[in-house]
């Protein structure tokens, strides 16, 4: 828990990372930033998908539509938060000369998106619309 609190503090003061270890090869730092940006793009796509489900599928039953939209929005928000946390953890590990941190989050993200995808397939196949 203490490490998580330290990581969150670094989200808002990344310059404090310079106090840790040695500066890594800039190529690794840039690769870490590109990975961060890829996670942010994924988060934006999930949030956009959540809004699209809610706004552009009005004929779906309310509970189905809202459940899928909220699931996509929640996974998108988690992805954005995880992106910055992962960036900090990787940057710290590179500066300390440690192995990069492992994460279960890609599995969680895949399961979340997969479950929403399965729900959408069921909606298409079963036609869960209002009044039909």
N, C-alpha and C. Protein backbone atom coordinates (compact mmCIF):
# COMPACT_ATOMS: atom_id res chain seq x y z
N UNK A 1 0.83 -1.20 0.00
CA UNK A 1 0.00 0.00 0.00
C UNK A 1 0.86 1.25 0.00
N UNK A 2 1.96 1.21 0.74
CA UNK A 2 2.85 2.37 0.81
C UNK A 2 3.45 2.67 -0.56
N UNK A 3 3.83 1.61 -1.32
CA UNK A 3 4.37 1.83 -2.66
C UNK A 3 3.33 2.46 -3.57
N UNK A 4 2.06 2.03 -3.43
CA UNK A 4 1.01 2.60 -4.27
C UNK A 4 0.85 4.10 -3.98
N UNK A 5 0.89 4.48 -2.71
CA UNK A 5 0.77 5.90 -2.35
C UNK A 5 1.94 6.68 -2.93
N UNK A 6 3.14 6.11 -2.87
CA UNK A 6 4.30 6.77 -3.47
C UNK A 6 4.13 6.92 -4.98
N UNK A 7 3.60 5.86 -5.61
CA UNK A 7 3.37 5.91 -7.05
C UNK A 7 2.38 7.01 -7.41
N UNK A 8 1.30 7.12 -6.64
CA UNK A 8 0.28 8.14 -6.92
C UNK A 8 0.88 9.53 -6.76
N UNK A 9 1.72 9.73 -5.77
CA UNK A 9 2.38 11.03 -5.61
C UNK A 9 3.22 11.36 -6.84
N UNK A 10 3.87 10.34 -7.41
CA UNK A 10 4.71 10.57 -8.59
C UNK A 10 3.88 10.90 -9.83
N UNK A 11 2.59 10.52 -9.84
CA UNK A 11 1.74 10.89 -10.96
C UNK A 11 1.73 12.41 -11.13
N UNK A 12 1.72 13.11 -10.01
CA UNK A 12 1.58 14.56 -10.03
C UNK A 12 2.91 15.30 -9.92
N UNK A 13 3.98 14.57 -9.66
CA UNK A 13 5.30 15.18 -9.56
C UNK A 13 6.34 14.24 -10.17
N UNK A 14 6.24 13.98 -11.49
CA UNK A 14 7.15 13.01 -12.10
C UNK A 14 8.62 13.44 -12.05
N UNK A 15 8.88 14.71 -11.84
CA UNK A 15 10.27 15.16 -11.76
C UNK A 15 10.98 14.52 -10.57
N UNK A 16 10.21 14.09 -9.58
CA UNK A 16 10.81 13.43 -8.41
C UNK A 16 11.42 12.08 -8.76
N UNK A 17 11.08 11.54 -9.93
CA UNK A 17 11.69 10.28 -10.37
C UNK A 17 13.19 10.44 -10.57
N UNK A 18 13.63 11.66 -10.85
CA UNK A 18 15.07 11.90 -11.06
C UNK A 18 15.88 11.58 -9.81
N UNK A 19 15.22 11.56 -8.65
CA UNK A 19 15.90 11.24 -7.40
C UNK A 19 16.20 9.74 -7.29
N UNK A 20 15.60 8.95 -8.17
CA UNK A 20 15.74 7.50 -8.09
C UNK A 20 16.78 7.01 -9.10
N UNK A 21 17.79 6.33 -8.63
CA UNK A 21 18.76 5.67 -9.50
C UNK A 21 19.41 6.58 -10.52
N UNK A 22 19.69 5.99 -11.69
CA UNK A 22 20.37 6.70 -12.78
C UNK A 22 19.42 6.90 -13.95
N UNK A 23 19.70 7.92 -14.72
CA UNK A 23 18.88 8.19 -15.89
C UNK A 23 19.08 7.08 -16.92
N UNK A 24 17.99 6.44 -17.35
CA UNK A 24 18.13 5.37 -18.35
C UNK A 24 18.38 5.95 -19.73
N UNK A 25 18.76 5.09 -20.64
CA UNK A 25 18.91 5.47 -22.04
C UNK A 25 17.60 6.13 -22.48
N UNK A 26 17.67 7.27 -23.11
CA UNK A 26 16.46 8.02 -23.46
C UNK A 26 15.52 7.21 -24.34
N UNK A 27 16.05 6.28 -25.12
CA UNK A 27 15.20 5.46 -25.98
C UNK A 27 14.22 4.62 -25.17
N UNK A 28 14.68 4.14 -24.01
CA UNK A 28 13.79 3.36 -23.15
C UNK A 28 12.71 4.24 -22.53
N UNK A 29 13.11 5.45 -22.14
CA UNK A 29 12.13 6.39 -21.59
C UNK A 29 11.08 6.75 -22.64
N UNK A 30 11.53 6.99 -23.87
CA UNK A 30 10.58 7.31 -24.94
C UNK A 30 9.68 6.12 -25.26
N UNK A 31 10.21 4.90 -25.22
CA UNK A 31 9.39 3.70 -25.45
C UNK A 31 8.34 3.58 -24.35
N UNK A 32 8.74 3.89 -23.11
CA UNK A 32 7.79 3.85 -22.00
C UNK A 32 6.68 4.88 -22.22
N UNK A 33 7.02 6.05 -22.71
CA UNK A 33 6.00 7.07 -22.98
C UNK A 33 5.08 6.65 -24.12
N UNK A 34 5.64 6.01 -25.14
CA UNK A 34 4.79 5.53 -26.25
C UNK A 34 3.81 4.47 -25.76
N UNK A 35 4.27 3.61 -24.86
CA UNK A 35 3.37 2.61 -24.29
C UNK A 35 2.27 3.29 -23.49
N UNK A 36 2.64 4.30 -22.71
CA UNK A 36 1.64 5.08 -21.96
C UNK A 36 0.60 5.66 -22.91
N UNK A 37 1.05 6.26 -23.99
CA UNK A 37 0.12 6.87 -24.94
C UNK A 37 -0.78 5.82 -25.59
N UNK A 38 -0.25 4.62 -25.83
CA UNK A 38 -1.08 3.55 -26.40
C UNK A 38 -2.19 3.16 -25.41
N UNK A 39 -1.86 3.09 -24.12
CA UNK A 39 -2.87 2.78 -23.12
C UNK A 39 -3.91 3.90 -23.06
N UNK A 40 -3.48 5.15 -23.18
CA UNK A 40 -4.42 6.28 -23.14
C UNK A 40 -5.34 6.24 -24.36
N UNK A 41 -4.80 5.91 -25.53
CA UNK A 41 -5.65 5.78 -26.72
C UNK A 41 -6.68 4.68 -26.53
N UNK A 42 -6.25 3.57 -25.93
CA UNK A 42 -7.18 2.49 -25.65
C UNK A 42 -8.28 2.96 -24.70
N UNK A 43 -7.88 3.69 -23.65
CA UNK A 43 -8.86 4.21 -22.69
C UNK A 43 -9.85 5.14 -23.37
N UNK A 44 -9.36 6.03 -24.22
CA UNK A 44 -10.25 6.95 -24.94
C UNK A 44 -11.22 6.19 -25.85
N UNK A 45 -10.74 5.15 -26.51
CA UNK A 45 -11.61 4.35 -27.37
C UNK A 45 -12.70 3.66 -26.55
N UNK A 46 -12.33 3.14 -25.38
CA UNK A 46 -13.32 2.48 -24.53
C UNK A 46 -14.35 3.47 -24.01
N UNK A 47 -13.91 4.64 -23.60
CA UNK A 47 -14.85 5.67 -23.13
C UNK A 47 -15.76 6.10 -24.28
N UNK A 48 -15.18 6.32 -25.45
CA UNK A 48 -15.99 6.66 -26.62
C UNK A 48 -16.99 5.58 -26.97
N UNK A 49 -16.56 4.32 -26.84
CA UNK A 49 -17.46 3.20 -27.09
C UNK A 49 -18.60 3.16 -26.09
N UNK A 50 -18.29 3.47 -24.83
CA UNK A 50 -19.33 3.51 -23.80
C UNK A 50 -20.38 4.57 -24.10
N UNK A 51 -19.91 5.76 -24.50
CA UNK A 51 -20.85 6.81 -24.85
C UNK A 51 -21.64 6.45 -26.12
N UNK A 52 -20.98 5.82 -27.08
CA UNK A 52 -21.66 5.44 -28.31
C UNK A 52 -22.78 4.43 -28.03
N UNK A 53 -22.49 3.45 -27.19
CA UNK A 53 -23.52 2.47 -26.85
C UNK A 53 -24.72 3.17 -26.22
N UNK A 54 -24.45 4.09 -25.31
CA UNK A 54 -25.54 4.77 -24.62
C UNK A 54 -26.33 5.70 -25.55
N UNK A 55 -25.63 6.42 -26.39
CA UNK A 55 -26.29 7.45 -27.20
C UNK A 55 -26.86 6.95 -28.53
N UNK A 56 -26.21 5.97 -29.12
CA UNK A 56 -26.60 5.58 -30.48
C UNK A 56 -27.35 4.26 -30.56
N UNK A 57 -27.65 3.66 -29.42
CA UNK A 57 -28.44 2.43 -29.41
C UNK A 57 -29.66 2.61 -28.51
N UNK A 58 -30.48 3.62 -28.81
CA UNK A 58 -31.63 3.90 -27.93
C UNK A 58 -32.70 2.82 -27.96
N UNK A 59 -32.70 1.97 -28.97
CA UNK A 59 -33.73 0.93 -29.05
C UNK A 59 -33.43 -0.27 -28.16
N UNK A 60 -32.22 -0.33 -27.61
CA UNK A 60 -31.91 -1.41 -26.68
C UNK A 60 -32.67 -1.20 -25.38
N UNK A 61 -32.98 -2.29 -24.72
CA UNK A 61 -33.59 -2.16 -23.40
C UNK A 61 -32.66 -1.33 -22.53
N UNK A 62 -33.26 -0.50 -21.68
CA UNK A 62 -32.49 0.43 -20.85
C UNK A 62 -31.41 -0.29 -20.04
N UNK A 63 -31.75 -1.37 -19.36
CA UNK A 63 -30.79 -2.08 -18.51
C UNK A 63 -29.63 -2.65 -19.30
N UNK A 64 -29.91 -3.19 -20.48
CA UNK A 64 -28.86 -3.76 -21.32
C UNK A 64 -27.94 -2.65 -21.81
N UNK A 65 -28.54 -1.58 -22.32
CA UNK A 65 -27.76 -0.46 -22.86
C UNK A 65 -26.88 0.16 -21.78
N UNK A 66 -27.46 0.44 -20.64
CA UNK A 66 -26.72 1.09 -19.57
C UNK A 66 -25.63 0.17 -19.02
N UNK A 67 -25.93 -1.11 -18.90
CA UNK A 67 -24.93 -2.06 -18.40
C UNK A 67 -23.71 -2.11 -19.31
N UNK A 68 -23.95 -2.21 -20.61
CA UNK A 68 -22.82 -2.24 -21.54
C UNK A 68 -22.06 -0.92 -21.55
N UNK A 69 -22.78 0.18 -21.53
CA UNK A 69 -22.14 1.49 -21.55
C UNK A 69 -21.29 1.70 -20.29
N UNK A 70 -21.86 1.39 -19.15
CA UNK A 70 -21.13 1.57 -17.89
C UNK A 70 -19.92 0.64 -17.83
N UNK A 71 -20.06 -0.58 -18.32
CA UNK A 71 -18.92 -1.50 -18.34
C UNK A 71 -17.78 -0.92 -19.18
N UNK A 72 -18.10 -0.42 -20.37
CA UNK A 72 -17.06 0.17 -21.22
C UNK A 72 -16.45 1.42 -20.59
N UNK A 73 -17.28 2.26 -20.01
CA UNK A 73 -16.78 3.47 -19.35
C UNK A 73 -15.88 3.11 -18.16
N UNK A 74 -16.27 2.13 -17.38
CA UNK A 74 -15.48 1.74 -16.22
C UNK A 74 -14.14 1.14 -16.64
N UNK A 75 -14.15 0.29 -17.65
CA UNK A 75 -12.90 -0.30 -18.12
C UNK A 75 -12.01 0.79 -18.72
N UNK A 76 -12.61 1.76 -19.42
CA UNK A 76 -11.84 2.88 -19.97
C UNK A 76 -11.20 3.72 -18.88
N UNK A 77 -11.95 4.01 -17.84
CA UNK A 77 -11.40 4.79 -16.72
C UNK A 77 -10.28 4.02 -16.03
N UNK A 78 -10.49 2.74 -15.81
CA UNK A 78 -9.44 1.91 -15.18
C UNK A 78 -8.20 1.86 -16.05
N UNK A 79 -8.39 1.80 -17.35
CA UNK A 79 -7.26 1.76 -18.28
C UNK A 79 -6.45 3.05 -18.21
N UNK A 80 -7.12 4.18 -18.14
CA UNK A 80 -6.42 5.46 -18.06
C UNK A 80 -5.62 5.57 -16.76
N UNK A 81 -6.23 5.17 -15.66
CA UNK A 81 -5.53 5.22 -14.37
C UNK A 81 -4.37 4.24 -14.35
N UNK A 82 -4.58 3.08 -14.91
CA UNK A 82 -3.52 2.07 -14.93
C UNK A 82 -2.37 2.53 -15.82
N UNK A 83 -2.67 3.27 -16.87
CA UNK A 83 -1.62 3.74 -17.78
C UNK A 83 -0.59 4.59 -17.05
N UNK A 84 -1.06 5.54 -16.28
CA UNK A 84 -0.12 6.43 -15.60
C UNK A 84 0.62 5.68 -14.49
N UNK A 85 -0.07 4.78 -13.81
CA UNK A 85 0.59 4.00 -12.77
C UNK A 85 1.68 3.10 -13.36
N UNK A 86 1.37 2.48 -14.48
CA UNK A 86 2.34 1.61 -15.14
C UNK A 86 3.54 2.43 -15.64
N UNK A 87 3.28 3.60 -16.18
CA UNK A 87 4.38 4.45 -16.65
C UNK A 87 5.35 4.77 -15.51
N UNK A 88 4.79 5.17 -14.36
CA UNK A 88 5.63 5.51 -13.20
C UNK A 88 6.42 4.29 -12.73
N UNK A 89 5.74 3.15 -12.63
CA UNK A 89 6.42 1.95 -12.14
C UNK A 89 7.54 1.52 -13.08
N UNK A 90 7.31 1.60 -14.39
CA UNK A 90 8.35 1.23 -15.36
C UNK A 90 9.51 2.21 -15.32
N UNK A 91 9.20 3.48 -15.25
CA UNK A 91 10.26 4.50 -15.20
C UNK A 91 11.13 4.30 -13.96
N UNK A 92 10.48 4.04 -12.84
CA UNK A 92 11.24 3.80 -11.60
C UNK A 92 12.11 2.55 -11.74
N UNK A 93 11.57 1.49 -12.27
CA UNK A 93 12.33 0.25 -12.43
C UNK A 93 13.53 0.45 -13.35
N UNK A 94 13.35 1.19 -14.45
CA UNK A 94 14.47 1.44 -15.36
C UNK A 94 15.56 2.25 -14.66
N UNK A 95 15.17 3.23 -13.89
CA UNK A 95 16.15 4.06 -13.18
C UNK A 95 16.90 3.27 -12.12
N UNK A 96 16.25 2.30 -11.54
CA UNK A 96 16.89 1.48 -10.50
C UNK A 96 17.64 0.28 -11.07
N UNK A 97 17.49 0.04 -12.37
CA UNK A 97 18.13 -1.12 -12.98
C UNK A 97 17.44 -2.43 -12.63
N UNK A 98 16.16 -2.35 -12.31
CA UNK A 98 15.38 -3.52 -11.93
C UNK A 98 14.61 -4.07 -13.13
N UNK A 99 14.08 -5.28 -12.97
CA UNK A 99 13.19 -5.83 -13.99
C UNK A 99 11.94 -4.96 -14.07
N UNK A 100 11.38 -4.88 -15.27
CA UNK A 100 10.14 -4.12 -15.42
C UNK A 100 9.02 -4.84 -14.67
N UNK A 101 8.09 -4.08 -14.09
CA UNK A 101 7.02 -4.70 -13.30
C UNK A 101 6.06 -5.49 -14.18
N UNK A 102 5.62 -6.60 -13.64
CA UNK A 102 4.60 -7.41 -14.31
C UNK A 102 3.23 -6.90 -13.90
N UNK A 103 2.26 -7.15 -14.74
CA UNK A 103 0.92 -6.65 -14.45
C UNK A 103 -0.12 -7.65 -14.91
N UNK A 104 -1.18 -7.77 -14.13
CA UNK A 104 -2.34 -8.58 -14.52
C UNK A 104 -3.37 -7.74 -15.26
N UNK A 105 -3.14 -6.45 -15.34
CA UNK A 105 -4.15 -5.57 -15.92
C UNK A 105 -4.51 -5.92 -17.36
N UNK A 106 -3.55 -6.31 -18.22
CA UNK A 106 -3.97 -6.69 -19.58
C UNK A 106 -5.01 -7.80 -19.59
N UNK A 107 -4.92 -8.72 -18.65
CA UNK A 107 -5.93 -9.79 -18.56
C UNK A 107 -7.28 -9.21 -18.15
N UNK A 108 -7.26 -8.32 -17.15
CA UNK A 108 -8.49 -7.68 -16.68
C UNK A 108 -9.13 -6.88 -17.83
N UNK A 109 -8.32 -6.12 -18.54
CA UNK A 109 -8.82 -5.33 -19.66
C UNK A 109 -9.41 -6.24 -20.74
N UNK A 110 -8.70 -7.30 -21.07
CA UNK A 110 -9.20 -8.23 -22.09
C UNK A 110 -10.51 -8.88 -21.67
N UNK A 111 -10.59 -9.30 -20.41
CA UNK A 111 -11.83 -9.91 -19.93
C UNK A 111 -12.99 -8.91 -19.95
N UNK A 112 -12.72 -7.68 -19.52
CA UNK A 112 -13.78 -6.66 -19.53
C UNK A 112 -14.30 -6.39 -20.92
N UNK A 113 -13.40 -6.19 -21.86
CA UNK A 113 -13.81 -5.92 -23.24
C UNK A 113 -14.46 -7.16 -23.84
N UNK A 114 -13.91 -8.33 -23.53
CA UNK A 114 -14.48 -9.57 -24.05
C UNK A 114 -15.89 -9.81 -23.55
N UNK A 115 -16.14 -9.54 -22.27
CA UNK A 115 -17.49 -9.73 -21.72
C UNK A 115 -18.49 -8.77 -22.36
N UNK A 116 -18.08 -7.54 -22.55
CA UNK A 116 -18.97 -6.58 -23.23
C UNK A 116 -19.20 -7.02 -24.67
N UNK A 117 -18.16 -7.53 -25.31
CA UNK A 117 -18.31 -8.03 -26.68
C UNK A 117 -19.29 -9.19 -26.76
N UNK A 118 -19.19 -10.13 -25.83
CA UNK A 118 -20.12 -11.26 -25.79
C UNK A 118 -21.55 -10.76 -25.55
N UNK A 119 -21.69 -9.79 -24.65
CA UNK A 119 -23.02 -9.22 -24.41
C UNK A 119 -23.58 -8.58 -25.67
N UNK A 120 -22.73 -7.89 -26.41
CA UNK A 120 -23.19 -7.25 -27.66
C UNK A 120 -23.58 -8.29 -28.71
N UNK A 121 -22.83 -9.38 -28.77
CA UNK A 121 -23.18 -10.45 -29.71
C UNK A 121 -24.55 -11.02 -29.34
N UNK A 122 -24.78 -11.22 -28.05
CA UNK A 122 -26.08 -11.74 -27.61
C UNK A 122 -27.20 -10.76 -27.95
N UNK A 123 -26.95 -9.48 -27.77
CA UNK A 123 -27.96 -8.47 -28.10
C UNK A 123 -28.29 -8.55 -29.59
N UNK A 124 -27.28 -8.67 -30.41
CA UNK A 124 -27.52 -8.74 -31.86
C UNK A 124 -28.27 -10.02 -32.22
N UNK A 125 -27.86 -11.14 -31.65
CA UNK A 125 -28.50 -12.41 -31.98
C UNK A 125 -29.92 -12.53 -31.42
N UNK A 126 -30.11 -12.04 -30.21
CA UNK A 126 -31.42 -12.18 -29.56
C UNK A 126 -32.33 -10.96 -29.78
N UNK A 127 -31.78 -9.88 -30.26
CA UNK A 127 -32.58 -8.70 -30.55
C UNK A 127 -33.26 -8.10 -29.35
N UNK A 128 -32.52 -7.81 -28.31
CA UNK A 128 -33.09 -7.23 -27.08
C UNK A 128 -33.38 -5.76 -27.27
N UNK A 129 -34.50 -5.47 -27.86
CA UNK A 129 -34.91 -4.08 -28.04
C UNK A 129 -36.17 -3.83 -27.25
N UNK A 130 -36.49 -2.54 -27.12
CA UNK A 130 -37.69 -2.15 -26.38
C UNK A 130 -38.93 -2.54 -27.16
N UNK A 131 -39.88 -3.14 -26.49
CA UNK A 131 -41.20 -3.37 -27.06
C UNK A 131 -41.26 -4.30 -28.25
N UNK A 132 -40.24 -5.04 -28.50
CA UNK A 132 -40.30 -5.95 -29.66
C UNK A 132 -40.29 -7.37 -29.22
